[in-house]
Amino acid sequence: SLKLPTAVYEGPSFGYTQTLAHSCFPQQKRVMLNMFLDIVADP
């Protein structure tokens, strides 16, 4: 999904890094649907 900002020349601001996934769910061992919506809706 972050290839889309890169395609419109916004890669430096919203490019992919290997630590992004872990930073989205810090200290969450089991993420279910409602928790996923809570975190990504306020991303």
All heavy atoms as atom14 arrays in JSON, in Angstrom:
{
  "sequence": "SLKLPTAVYEGPSFGYTQTLAHSCFPQQKRVMLNMFLDIVADP",
  "atom14_mask": [
    [1, 1, 1, 1, 1, 1, 0, 0, 0, 0, 0, 0, 0, 0],
    [1, 1, 1, 1, 1, 1, 1, 1, 0, 0, 0, 0, 0, 0],
    [1, 1, 1, 1, 1, 1, 1, 1, 1, 0, 0, 0, 0, 0],
    [1, 1, 1, 1, 1, 1, 1, 1, 0, 0, 0, 0, 0, 0],
    [1, 1, 1, 1, 1, 1, 1, 0, 0, 0, 0, 0, 0, 0],
    [1, 1, 1, 1, 1, 1, 1, 0, 0, 0, 0, 0, 0, 0],
    [1, 1, 1, 1, 1, 0, 0, 0, 0, 0, 0, 0, 0, 0],
    [1, 1, 1, 1, 1, 1, 1, 0, 0, 0, 0, 0, 0, 0],
    [1, 1, 1, 1, 1, 1, 1, 1, 1, 1, 1, 1, 0, 0],
    [1, 1, 1, 1, 1, 1, 1, 1, 1, 0, 0, 0, 0, 0],
    [1, 1, 1, 1, 0, 0, 0, 0, 0, 0, 0, 0, 0, 0],
    [1, 1, 1, 1, 1, 1, 1, 0, 0, 0, 0, 0, 0, 0],
    [1, 1, 1, 1, 1, 1, 0, 0, 0, 0, 0, 0, 0, 0],
    [1, 1, 1, 1, 1, 1, 1, 1, 1, 1, 1, 0, 0, 0],
    [1, 1, 1, 1, 0, 0, 0, 0, 0, 0, 0, 0, 0, 0],
    [1, 1, 1, 1, 1, 1, 1, 1, 1, 1, 1, 1, 0, 0],
    [1, 1, 1, 1, 1, 1, 1, 0, 0, 0, 0, 0, 0, 0],
    [1, 1, 1, 1, 1, 1, 1, 1, 1, 0, 0, 0, 0, 0],
    [1, 1, 1, 1, 1, 1, 1, 0, 0, 0, 0, 0, 0, 0],
    [1, 1, 1, 1, 1, 1, 1, 1, 0, 0, 0, 0, 0, 0],
    [1, 1, 1, 1, 1, 0, 0, 0, 0, 0, 0, 0, 0, 0],
    [1, 1, 1, 1, 1, 1, 1, 1, 1, 1, 0, 0, 0, 0],
    [1, 1, 1, 1, 1, 1, 0, 0, 0, 0, 0, 0, 0, 0],
    [1, 1, 1, 1, 1, 1, 0, 0, 0, 0, 0, 0, 0, 0],
    [1, 1, 1, 1, 1, 1, 1, 1, 1, 1, 1, 0, 0, 0],
    [1, 1, 1, 1, 1, 1, 1, 0, 0, 0, 0, 0, 0, 0],
    [1, 1, 1, 1, 1, 1, 1, 1, 1, 0, 0, 0, 0, 0],
    [1, 1, 1, 1, 1, 1, 1, 1, 1, 0, 0, 0, 0, 0],
    [1, 1, 1, 1, 1, 1, 1, 1, 1, 0, 0, 0, 0, 0],
    [1, 1, 1, 1, 1, 1, 1, 1, 1, 1, 1, 0, 0, 0],
    [1, 1, 1, 1, 1, 1, 1, 0, 0, 0, 0, 0, 0, 0],
    [1, 1, 1, 1, 1, 1, 1, 1, 0, 0, 0, 0, 0, 0],
    [1, 1, 1, 1, 1, 1, 1, 1, 0, 0, 0, 0, 0, 0],
    [1, 1, 1, 1, 1, 1, 1, 1, 0, 0, 0, 0, 0, 0],
    [1, 1, 1, 1, 1, 1, 1, 1, 0, 0, 0, 0, 0, 0],
    [1, 1, 1, 1, 1, 1, 1, 1, 1, 1, 1, 0, 0, 0],
    [1, 1, 1, 1, 1, 1, 1, 1, 0, 0, 0, 0, 0, 0],
    [1, 1, 1, 1, 1, 1, 1, 1, 0, 0, 0, 0, 0, 0],
    [1, 1, 1, 1, 1, 1, 1, 1, 0, 0, 0, 0, 0, 0],
    [1, 1, 1, 1, 1, 1, 1, 0, 0, 0, 0, 0, 0, 0],
    [1, 1, 1, 1, 1, 0, 0, 0, 0, 0, 0, 0, 0, 0],
    [1, 1, 1, 1, 1, 1, 1, 1, 0, 0, 0, 0, 0, 0],
    [1, 1, 1, 1, 1, 1, 1, 0, 0, 0, 0, 0, 0, 0]
  ],
  "atom14_positions": [
    [[0.82, -1.22, 0.0], [0.0, 0.0, 0.0], [0.85, 1.27, 0.0], [0.44, 2.29, -0.58], [-0.93, 0.0, 1.22], [-0.19, -0.03, 2.42], [0.0, 0.0, 0.0], [0.0, 0.0, 0.0], [0.0, 0.0, 0.0], [0.0, 0.0, 0.0], [0.0, 0.0, 0.0], [0.0, 0.0, 0.0], [0.0, 0.0, 0.0], [0.0, 0.0, 0.0]],
    [[2.03, 1.21, 0.61], [2.89, 2.39, 0.63], [3.6, 2.63, -0.69], [4.31, 3.62, -0.85], [3.92, 2.27, 1.76], [3.34, 2.37, 3.18], [4.42, 2.21, 4.22], [2.62, 3.7, 3.37], [0.0, 0.0, 0.0], [0.0, 0.0, 0.0], [0.0, 0.0, 0.0], [0.0, 0.0, 0.0], [0.0, 0.0, 0.0], [0.0, 0.0, 0.0]],
    [[3.4, 1.73, -1.66], [3.89, 2.01, -3.0], [3.07, 3.11, -3.68], [3.56, 3.76, -4.61], [3.85, 0.74, -3.85], [4.84, -0.33, -3.43], [4.69, -1.58, -4.27], [5.66, -2.66, -3.81], [5.51, -3.93, -4.57], [0.0, 0.0, 0.0], [0.0, 0.0, 0.0], [0.0, 0.0, 0.0], [0.0, 0.0, 0.0], [0.0, 0.0, 0.0]],
    [[1.84, 3.31, -3.21], [1.0, 4.35, -3.8], [1.54, 5.75, -3.51], [1.66, 6.56, -4.44], [-0.44, 4.2, -3.31], [-1.12, 2.86, -3.66], [-2.5, 2.78, -3.01], [-1.22, 2.7, -5.16], [0.0, 0.0, 0.0], [0.0, 0.0, 0.0], [0.0, 0.0, 0.0], [0.0, 0.0, 0.0], [0.0, 0.0, 0.0], [0.0, 0.0, 0.0]],
    [[1.87, 6.1, -2.25], [2.52, 7.41, -2.05], [3.85, 7.54, -2.77], [4.19, 8.63, -3.26], [2.71, 7.47, -0.52], [1.7, 6.54, 0.04], [1.58, 5.44, -0.97], [0.0, 0.0, 0.0], [0.0, 0.0, 0.0], [0.0, 0.0, 0.0], [0.0, 0.0, 0.0], [0.0, 0.0, 0.0], [0.0, 0.0, 0.0], [0.0, 0.0, 0.0]],
    [[4.6, 6.44, -2.86], [5.87, 6.51, -3.58], [5.65, 6.81, -5.06], [6.44, 7.53, -5.69], [6.63, 5.19, -3.41], [6.79, 4.91, -2.02], [8.0, 5.27, -4.05], [0.0, 0.0, 0.0], [0.0, 0.0, 0.0], [0.0, 0.0, 0.0], [0.0, 0.0, 0.0], [0.0, 0.0, 0.0], [0.0, 0.0, 0.0], [0.0, 0.0, 0.0]],
    [[4.56, 6.26, -5.63], [4.29, 6.49, -7.05], [3.96, 7.95, -7.34], [4.18, 8.42, -8.46], [3.13, 5.6, -7.51], [0.0, 0.0, 0.0], [0.0, 0.0, 0.0], [0.0, 0.0, 0.0], [0.0, 0.0, 0.0], [0.0, 0.0, 0.0], [0.0, 0.0, 0.0], [0.0, 0.0, 0.0], [0.0, 0.0, 0.0], [0.0, 0.0, 0.0]],
    [[3.44, 8.68, -6.35], [3.14, 10.11, -6.55], [4.24, 10.97, -5.92], [3.98, 12.1, -5.5], [1.75, 10.46, -5.97], [0.66, 9.8, -6.77], [1.63, 10.09, -4.5], [0.0, 0.0, 0.0], [0.0, 0.0, 0.0], [0.0, 0.0, 0.0], [0.0, 0.0, 0.0], [0.0, 0.0, 0.0], [0.0, 0.0, 0.0], [0.0, 0.0, 0.0]],
    [[5.43, 10.39, -5.79], [6.64, 11.12, -5.37], [6.58, 11.56, -3.91], [7.11, 12.61, -3.55], [6.88, 12.32, -6.28], [6.75, 12.01, -7.74], [5.69, 12.51, -8.49], [7.66, 11.15, -8.38], [5.55, 12.2, -9.83], [7.52, 10.83, -9.72], [6.46, 11.36, -10.44], [6.32, 11.04, -11.77], [0.0, 0.0, 0.0], [0.0, 0.0, 0.0]],
    [[5.95, 10.77, -3.06], [5.91, 11.06, -1.63], [6.61, 9.96, -0.83], [6.31, 9.76, 0.35], [4.46, 11.21, -1.15], [3.73, 12.37, -1.76], [4.34, 13.72, -1.41], [4.95, 13.83, -0.32], [4.21, 14.66, -2.21], [0.0, 0.0, 0.0], [0.0, 0.0, 0.0], [0.0, 0.0, 0.0], [0.0, 0.0, 0.0], [0.0, 0.0, 0.0]],
    [[7.51, 9.25, -1.48], [8.23, 8.17, -0.82], [9.05, 8.61, 0.38], [9.07, 7.91, 1.4], [0.0, 0.0, 0.0], [0.0, 0.0, 0.0], [0.0, 0.0, 0.0], [0.0, 0.0, 0.0], [0.0, 0.0, 0.0], [0.0, 0.0, 0.0], [0.0, 0.0, 0.0], [0.0, 0.0, 0.0], [0.0, 0.0, 0.0], [0.0, 0.0, 0.0]],
    [[9.75, 9.74, 0.35], [10.54, 10.13, 1.53], [9.69, 10.33, 2.78], [10.18, 10.12, 3.89], [11.19, 11.45, 1.09], [11.27, 11.35, -0.4], [10.03, 10.61, -0.82], [0.0, 0.0, 0.0], [0.0, 0.0, 0.0], [0.0, 0.0, 0.0], [0.0, 0.0, 0.0], [0.0, 0.0, 0.0], [0.0, 0.0, 0.0], [0.0, 0.0, 0.0]],
    [[8.43, 10.72, 2.63], [7.59, 10.95, 3.8], [6.87, 9.69, 4.25], [6.66, 9.47, 5.45], [6.55, 12.05, 3.51], [7.18, 13.26, 3.17], [0.0, 0.0, 0.0], [0.0, 0.0, 0.0], [0.0, 0.0, 0.0], [0.0, 0.0, 0.0], [0.0, 0.0, 0.0], [0.0, 0.0, 0.0], [0.0, 0.0, 0.0], [0.0, 0.0, 0.0]],
    [[6.45, 8.84, 3.29], [5.64, 7.68, 3.63], [6.19, 6.42, 2.95], [5.43, 5.6, 2.43], [4.19, 7.9, 3.22], [3.55, 9.07, 3.92], [3.37, 10.27, 3.25], [3.14, 8.98, 5.23], [2.79, 11.35, 3.87], [2.57, 10.06, 5.87], [2.38, 11.24, 5.2], [0.0, 0.0, 0.0], [0.0, 0.0, 0.0], [0.0, 0.0, 0.0]],
    [[7.47, 6.27, 2.95], [8.07, 5.07, 2.39], [8.06, 3.93, 3.38], [7.89, 4.11, 4.6], [0.0, 0.0, 0.0], [0.0, 0.0, 0.0], [0.0, 0.0, 0.0], [0.0, 0.0, 0.0], [0.0, 0.0, 0.0], [0.0, 0.0, 0.0], [0.0, 0.0, 0.0], [0.0, 0.0, 0.0], [0.0, 0.0, 0.0], [0.0, 0.0, 0.0]],
    [[8.25, 2.72, 2.88], [8.22, 1.54, 3.72], [9.57, 1.34, 4.41], [10.62, 1.54, 3.81], [7.88, 0.3, 2.88], [8.11, -1.0, 3.61], [7.18, -1.47, 4.52], [9.27, -1.74, 3.38], [7.39, -2.66, 5.2], [9.48, -2.93, 4.04], [8.55, -3.38, 4.96], [8.76, -4.56, 5.63], [0.0, 0.0, 0.0], [0.0, 0.0, 0.0]],
    [[9.49, 0.96, 5.69], [10.66, 0.53, 6.44], [10.32, -0.77, 7.17], [9.14, -1.07, 7.4], [11.11, 1.58, 7.47], [10.04, 1.81, 8.4], [11.46, 2.89, 6.79], [0.0, 0.0, 0.0], [0.0, 0.0, 0.0], [0.0, 0.0, 0.0], [0.0, 0.0, 0.0], [0.0, 0.0, 0.0], [0.0, 0.0, 0.0], [0.0, 0.0, 0.0]],
    [[11.3, -1.52, 7.53], [11.08, -2.84, 8.12], [10.5, -2.79, 9.52], [10.03, -3.8, 10.03], [12.39, -3.63, 8.12], [12.93, -3.92, 6.73], [14.23, -4.71, 6.76], [14.79, -4.95, 7.82], [14.71, -5.11, 5.58], [0.0, 0.0, 0.0], [0.0, 0.0, 0.0], [0.0, 0.0, 0.0], [0.0, 0.0, 0.0], [0.0, 0.0, 0.0]],
    [[10.53, -1.65, 10.17], [10.03, -1.55, 11.55], [8.61, -1.0, 11.62], [8.08, -0.81, 12.72], [10.96, -0.65, 12.37], [11.0, 0.66, 11.77], [12.36, -1.23, 12.42], [0.0, 0.0, 0.0], [0.0, 0.0, 0.0], [0.0, 0.0, 0.0], [0.0, 0.0, 0.0], [0.0, 0.0, 0.0], [0.0, 0.0, 0.0], [0.0, 0.0, 0.0]],
    [[7.99, -0.73, 10.48], [6.66, -0.1, 10.51], [5.61, -1.0, 11.13], [4.79, -0.55, 11.94], [6.25, 0.28, 9.08], [6.88, 1.53, 8.49], [6.35, 1.77, 7.09], [6.59, 2.74, 9.37], [0.0, 0.0, 0.0], [0.0, 0.0, 0.0], [0.0, 0.0, 0.0], [0.0, 0.0, 0.0], [0.0, 0.0, 0.0], [0.0, 0.0, 0.0]],
    [[5.58, -2.28, 10.75], [4.54, -3.18, 11.25], [4.6, -3.31, 12.77], [3.57, -3.29, 13.45], [4.67, -4.54, 10.58], [0.0, 0.0, 0.0], [0.0, 0.0, 0.0], [0.0, 0.0, 0.0], [0.0, 0.0, 0.0], [0.0, 0.0, 0.0], [0.0, 0.0, 0.0], [0.0, 0.0, 0.0], [0.0, 0.0, 0.0], [0.0, 0.0, 0.0]],
    [[5.78, -3.42, 13.31], [5.91, -3.55, 14.77], [5.55, -2.25, 15.48], [5.05, -2.27, 16.61], [7.34, -3.96, 15.13], [7.71, -5.34, 14.67], [7.38, -6.48, 15.38], [8.36, -5.75, 13.55], [7.82, -7.55, 14.73], [8.42, -7.13, 13.61], [0.0, 0.0, 0.0], [0.0, 0.0, 0.0], [0.0, 0.0, 0.0], [0.0, 0.0, 0.0]],
    [[5.79, -1.1, 14.83], [5.45, 0.17, 15.47], [3.95, 0.43, 15.49], [3.47, 1.21, 16.31], [6.15, 1.32, 14.74], [5.68, 1.41, 13.39], [0.0, 0.0, 0.0], [0.0, 0.0, 0.0], [0.0, 0.0, 0.0], [0.0, 0.0, 0.0], [0.0, 0.0, 0.0], [0.0, 0.0, 0.0], [0.0, 0.0, 0.0], [0.0, 0.0, 0.0]],
    [[3.19, -0.23, 14.6], [1.74, -0.03, 14.58], [1.04, -0.73, 15.74], [0.0, -0.25, 16.23], [1.16, -0.55, 13.26], [1.67, 0.38, 11.82], [0.0, 0.0, 0.0], [0.0, 0.0, 0.0], [0.0, 0.0, 0.0], [0.0, 0.0, 0.0], [0.0, 0.0, 0.0], [0.0, 0.0, 0.0], [0.0, 0.0, 0.0], [0.0, 0.0, 0.0]],
    [[1.59, -1.85, 16.19], [0.97, -2.62, 17.28], [2.01, -2.9, 18.36], [2.45, -4.03, 18.55], [0.4, -3.94, 16.75], [-0.56, -3.77, 15.61], [-0.14, -3.96, 14.31], [-1.87, -3.4, 15.84], [-1.02, -3.8, 13.25], [-2.76, -3.24, 14.8], [-2.34, -3.44, 13.5], [0.0, 0.0, 0.0], [0.0, 0.0, 0.0], [0.0, 0.0, 0.0]],
    [[2.42, -1.87, 19.09], [3.43, -2.09, 20.12], [2.86, -2.89, 21.29], [1.76, -2.62, 21.8], [3.81, -0.66, 20.55], [2.59, 0.16, 20.22], [1.98, -0.47, 19.0], [0.0, 0.0, 0.0], [0.0, 0.0, 0.0], [0.0, 0.0, 0.0], [0.0, 0.0, 0.0], [0.0, 0.0, 0.0], [0.0, 0.0, 0.0], [0.0, 0.0, 0.0]],
    [[3.6, -3.93, 21.67], [3.26, -4.75, 22.84], [1.89, -5.42, 22.72], [1.25, -5.7, 23.74], [3.3, -3.89, 24.12], [4.67, -3.27, 24.37], [4.68, -2.41, 25.61], [3.64, -2.19, 26.23], [5.85, -1.92, 25.98], [0.0, 0.0, 0.0], [0.0, 0.0, 0.0], [0.0, 0.0, 0.0], [0.0, 0.0, 0.0], [0.0, 0.0, 0.0]],
    [[1.42, -5.64, 21.52], [0.16, -6.35, 21.31], [0.47, -7.73, 20.75], [0.92, -7.87, 19.61], [-0.76, -5.58, 20.34], [-1.15, -4.19, 20.82], [-2.06, -4.24, 22.04], [-2.66, -5.26, 22.33], [-2.16, -3.12, 22.73], [0.0, 0.0, 0.0], [0.0, 0.0, 0.0], [0.0, 0.0, 0.0], [0.0, 0.0, 0.0], [0.0, 0.0, 0.0]],
    [[0.23, -8.76, 21.55], [0.54, -10.11, 21.12], [-0.58, -10.74, 20.29], [-0.3, -11.6, 19.46], [0.84, -10.99, 22.34], [2.04, -10.53, 23.14], [2.3, -11.46, 24.32], [3.52, -11.0, 25.11], [3.78, -11.9, 26.27], [0.0, 0.0, 0.0], [0.0, 0.0, 0.0], [0.0, 0.0, 0.0], [0.0, 0.0, 0.0], [0.0, 0.0, 0.0]],
    [[-1.8, -10.35, 20.55], [-2.94, -10.96, 19.87], [-3.87, -9.83, 19.41], [-4.58, -9.23, 20.22], [-3.67, -11.91, 20.81], [-4.83, -12.68, 20.16], [-5.48, -13.58, 21.2], [-6.66, -14.22, 20.68], [-6.67, -15.39, 20.05], [-5.54, -16.03, 19.85], [-7.8, -15.93, 19.62], [0.0, 0.0, 0.0], [0.0, 0.0, 0.0], [0.0, 0.0, 0.0]],
    [[-3.87, -9.54, 18.13], [-4.66, -8.45, 17.57], [-5.84, -9.05, 16.82], [-5.68, -9.79, 15.86], [-3.82, -7.58, 16.61], [-4.67, -6.46, 16.02], [-2.61, -7.01, 17.35], [0.0, 0.0, 0.0], [0.0, 0.0, 0.0], [0.0, 0.0, 0.0], [0.0, 0.0, 0.0], [0.0, 0.0, 0.0], [0.0, 0.0, 0.0], [0.0, 0.0, 0.0]],
    [[-7.05, -8.7, 17.3], [-8.28, -9.16, 16.66], [-8.86, -8.02, 15.81], [-8.26, -6.95, 15.69], [-9.29, -9.62, 17.71], [-8.74, -10.63, 18.7], [-8.33, -12.22, 17.95], [-9.96, -12.91, 17.69], [0.0, 0.0, 0.0], [0.0, 0.0, 0.0], [0.0, 0.0, 0.0], [0.0, 0.0, 0.0], [0.0, 0.0, 0.0], [0.0, 0.0, 0.0]],
    [[-10.03, -8.27, 15.22], [-10.6, -7.34, 14.26], [-10.86, -5.97, 14.88], [-10.46, -4.94, 14.32], [-11.89, -7.92, 13.67], [-12.69, -6.99, 12.75], [-11.86, -6.56, 11.55], [-13.98, -7.66, 12.3], [0.0, 0.0, 0.0], [0.0, 0.0, 0.0], [0.0, 0.0, 0.0], [0.0, 0.0, 0.0], [0.0, 0.0, 0.0], [0.0, 0.0, 0.0]],
    [[-11.55, -5.92, 16.01], [-11.92, -4.63, 16.6], [-10.7, -3.83, 17.04], [-10.68, -2.61, 16.89], [-12.89, -4.85, 17.77], [-14.23, -5.39, 17.33], [-14.93, -4.76, 16.54], [-14.59, -6.58, 17.8], [0.0, 0.0, 0.0], [0.0, 0.0, 0.0], [0.0, 0.0, 0.0], [0.0, 0.0, 0.0], [0.0, 0.0, 0.0], [0.0, 0.0, 0.0]],
    [[-9.71, -4.51, 17.56], [-8.48, -3.81, 17.94], [-7.77, -3.28, 16.69], [-7.23, -2.16, 16.7], [-7.55, -4.74, 18.72], [-6.28, -4.07, 19.22], [-5.17, -5.23, 20.05], [-6.21, -5.76, 21.41], [0.0, 0.0, 0.0], [0.0, 0.0, 0.0], [0.0, 0.0, 0.0], [0.0, 0.0, 0.0], [0.0, 0.0, 0.0], [0.0, 0.0, 0.0]],
    [[-7.78, -4.06, 15.62], [-7.17, -3.61, 14.37], [-7.88, -2.37, 13.85], [-7.23, -1.41, 13.4], [-7.26, -4.75, 13.35], [-6.72, -4.39, 11.99], [-5.37, -4.42, 11.73], [-7.59, -4.04, 10.96], [-4.88, -4.1, 10.48], [-7.11, -3.71, 9.71], [-5.74, -3.74, 9.47], [0.0, 0.0, 0.0], [0.0, 0.0, 0.0], [0.0, 0.0, 0.0]],
    [[-9.23, -2.34, 13.91], [-9.97, -1.18, 13.44], [-9.71, 0.04, 14.33], [-9.61, 1.17, 13.84], [-11.47, -1.49, 13.41], [-11.91, -2.57, 12.42], [-13.4, -2.81, 12.53], [-11.53, -2.19, 11.0], [0.0, 0.0, 0.0], [0.0, 0.0, 0.0], [0.0, 0.0, 0.0], [0.0, 0.0, 0.0], [0.0, 0.0, 0.0], [0.0, 0.0, 0.0]],
    [[-9.59, -0.17, 15.63], [-9.31, 0.95, 16.54], [-7.96, 1.59, 16.22], [-7.82, 2.82, 16.23], [-9.33, 0.46, 17.99], [-10.73, 0.1, 18.45], [-11.7, 0.6, 17.83], [-10.87, -0.72, 19.38], [0.0, 0.0, 0.0], [0.0, 0.0, 0.0], [0.0, 0.0, 0.0], [0.0, 0.0, 0.0], [0.0, 0.0, 0.0], [0.0, 0.0, 0.0]],
    [[-6.96, 0.77, 15.96], [-5.61, 1.3, 15.76], [-5.46, 1.91, 14.38], [-4.92, 3.01, 14.22], [-4.58, 0.17, 15.98], [-4.6, -0.26, 17.45], [-3.17, 0.64, 15.59], [-3.68, -1.41, 17.77], [0.0, 0.0, 0.0], [0.0, 0.0, 0.0], [0.0, 0.0, 0.0], [0.0, 0.0, 0.0], [0.0, 0.0, 0.0], [0.0, 0.0, 0.0]],
    [[-5.97, 1.23, 13.34], [-5.77, 1.72, 11.98], [-6.72, 2.87, 11.66], [-6.4, 3.75, 10.85], [-5.94, 0.56, 10.96], [-5.7, 1.04, 9.55], [-4.99, -0.58, 11.3], [0.0, 0.0, 0.0], [0.0, 0.0, 0.0], [0.0, 0.0, 0.0], [0.0, 0.0, 0.0], [0.0, 0.0, 0.0], [0.0, 0.0, 0.0], [0.0, 0.0, 0.0]],
    [[-7.92, 2.9, 12.27], [-8.83, 4.03, 12.06], [-8.23, 5.32, 12.62], [-8.5, 6.41, 12.1], [-10.18, 3.75, 12.7], [0.0, 0.0, 0.0], [0.0, 0.0, 0.0], [0.0, 0.0, 0.0], [0.0, 0.0, 0.0], [0.0, 0.0, 0.0], [0.0, 0.0, 0.0], [0.0, 0.0, 0.0], [0.0, 0.0, 0.0], [0.0, 0.0, 0.0]],
    [[-7.47, 5.22, 13.7], [-6.68, 6.36, 14.2], [-5.22, 6.0, 13.95], [-4.5, 5.59, 14.86], [-6.96, 6.57, 15.69], [-6.29, 7.82, 16.21], [-5.83, 8.64, 15.38], [-6.22, 7.99, 17.44], [0.0, 0.0, 0.0], [0.0, 0.0, 0.0], [0.0, 0.0, 0.0], [0.0, 0.0, 0.0], [0.0, 0.0, 0.0], [0.0, 0.0, 0.0]],
    [[-4.76, 6.14, 12.71], [-3.6, 5.37, 12.26], [-2.27, 5.89, 12.75], [-2.14, 7.03, 13.2], [-3.7, 5.51, 10.73], [-4.33, 6.84, 10.53], [-5.28, 7.02, 11.68], [0.0, 0.0, 0.0], [0.0, 0.0, 0.0], [0.0, 0.0, 0.0], [0.0, 0.0, 0.0], [0.0, 0.0, 0.0], [0.0, 0.0, 0.0], [0.0, 0.0, 0.0]]
  ]
}
